[in-house]
Amino acid sequence: MPVIESAIQRVRLTKKQHDRNEPQISAYRTAVKKFEKASVAGADNLAELYKTASSAIDHAYSKGLIKKNKASREKSRLAKYVK
């Protein structure tokens, strides 16, 4: 454990940020994986799942969890399966 007060504060802050970000990252990854599994299985509701996954990607980007280029790249890769 850190001894310096500012280091102790950073540990508290990092834990708080991690606890807030982890469920959001998990939801984003789950939405993308659901879409990928459905596209491989040939499900009929791909458009709806793509909309959900795309929304999750946008939300993750807006919260700063992923960068702009990663969000764009993932949406582009998922869009290929909808066609």
Protein backbone atom coordinates (compact mmCIF):
# COMPACT_ATOMS: atom_id res chain seq x y z
CA MET A 1 0.00 0.00 0.00
CA PRO A 2 1.20 3.51 -0.71
CA VAL A 3 2.33 5.73 2.11
CA ILE A 4 2.14 9.13 0.44
CA GLU A 5 -1.28 10.80 0.71
CA SER A 6 -1.57 11.63 -2.98
CA ALA A 7 -0.77 8.02 -3.88
CA ILE A 8 -3.45 6.81 -1.46
CA GLN A 9 -5.96 9.16 -3.13
CA ARG A 10 -4.98 7.84 -6.58
CA VAL A 11 -5.60 4.26 -5.41
CA ARG A 12 -9.07 5.23 -4.20
CA LEU A 13 -9.84 7.11 -7.40
CA THR A 14 -8.56 4.31 -9.64
CA LYS A 15 -10.72 1.77 -7.84
CA LYS A 16 -13.79 4.00 -8.17
CA GLN A 17 -13.12 4.52 -11.90
CA HIS A 18 -12.55 0.80 -12.45
CA ASP A 19 -15.78 -0.09 -10.66
CA ARG A 20 -17.67 2.37 -12.86
CA ASN A 21 -16.02 1.41 -16.17
CA GLU A 22 -15.92 -2.38 -15.89
CA PRO A 23 -19.69 -3.03 -16.25
CA GLN A 24 -19.84 -0.63 -19.21
CA ILE A 25 -16.95 -2.40 -20.97
CA SER A 26 -18.58 -5.75 -20.24
CA ALA A 27 -21.91 -4.63 -21.72
CA TYR A 28 -20.17 -3.35 -24.84
CA ARG A 29 -18.24 -6.60 -25.34
CA THR A 30 -21.33 -8.72 -24.69
CA ALA A 31 -23.35 -6.84 -27.31
CA VAL A 32 -20.61 -7.29 -29.90
CA LYS A 33 -20.21 -11.00 -29.10
CA LYS A 34 -23.97 -11.59 -29.33
CA PHE A 35 -24.00 -10.03 -32.77
CA GLU A 36 -20.98 -12.05 -33.93
CA LYS A 37 -22.49 -15.33 -32.71
CA ALA A 38 -25.80 -14.52 -34.39
CA SER A 39 -24.09 -13.66 -37.67
CA VAL A 40 -22.20 -16.96 -37.68
CA ALA A 41 -25.39 -18.86 -36.84
CA GLY A 42 -27.32 -17.02 -39.56
CA ALA A 43 -29.94 -15.52 -37.28
CA ASP A 44 -32.77 -13.52 -38.81
CA ASN A 45 -32.59 -10.56 -36.38
CA LEU A 46 -29.13 -9.35 -37.45
CA ALA A 47 -30.29 -5.80 -38.13
CA GLU A 48 -31.65 -5.44 -34.61
CA LEU A 49 -28.52 -6.94 -33.03
CA TYR A 50 -26.32 -4.72 -35.18
CA LYS A 51 -28.22 -1.67 -33.98
CA THR A 52 -27.71 -2.76 -30.36
CA ALA A 53 -24.01 -3.50 -30.86
CA SER A 54 -23.46 -0.24 -32.72
CA SER A 55 -25.16 1.66 -29.94
CA ALA A 56 -23.00 -0.10 -27.34
CA ILE A 57 -19.86 0.81 -29.30
CA ASP A 58 -20.94 4.45 -29.52
CA HIS A 59 -21.71 4.52 -25.81
CA ALA A 60 -18.30 3.03 -24.95
CA TYR A 61 -16.62 5.64 -27.15
CA SER A 62 -18.58 8.51 -25.63
CA LYS A 63 -17.57 7.40 -22.14
CA GLY A 64 -13.90 7.25 -23.13
CA LEU A 65 -13.62 3.48 -22.76
CA ILE A 66 -12.43 2.97 -26.34
CA LYS A 67 -10.85 5.32 -28.83
CA LYS A 68 -12.48 6.84 -31.88
CA ASN A 69 -10.66 4.72 -34.46
CA LYS A 70 -11.40 1.49 -32.60
CA ALA A 71 -15.09 2.36 -32.45
CA SER A 72 -15.15 3.15 -36.16
CA ARG A 73 -13.21 0.00 -37.04
CA GLU A 74 -15.47 -2.27 -35.01
CA LYS A 75 -18.65 -0.77 -36.44
CA SER A 76 -17.26 -1.18 -39.93
CA ARG A 77 -16.34 -4.82 -39.35
CA LEU A 78 -19.76 -5.59 -37.91
CA ALA A 79 -21.52 -3.81 -40.78
CA LYS A 80 -20.04 -6.31 -43.25
CA TYR A 81 -22.14 -9.08 -41.71
CA VAL A 82 -25.43 -7.19 -42.06
CA LYS A 83 -25.24 -6.98 -45.87
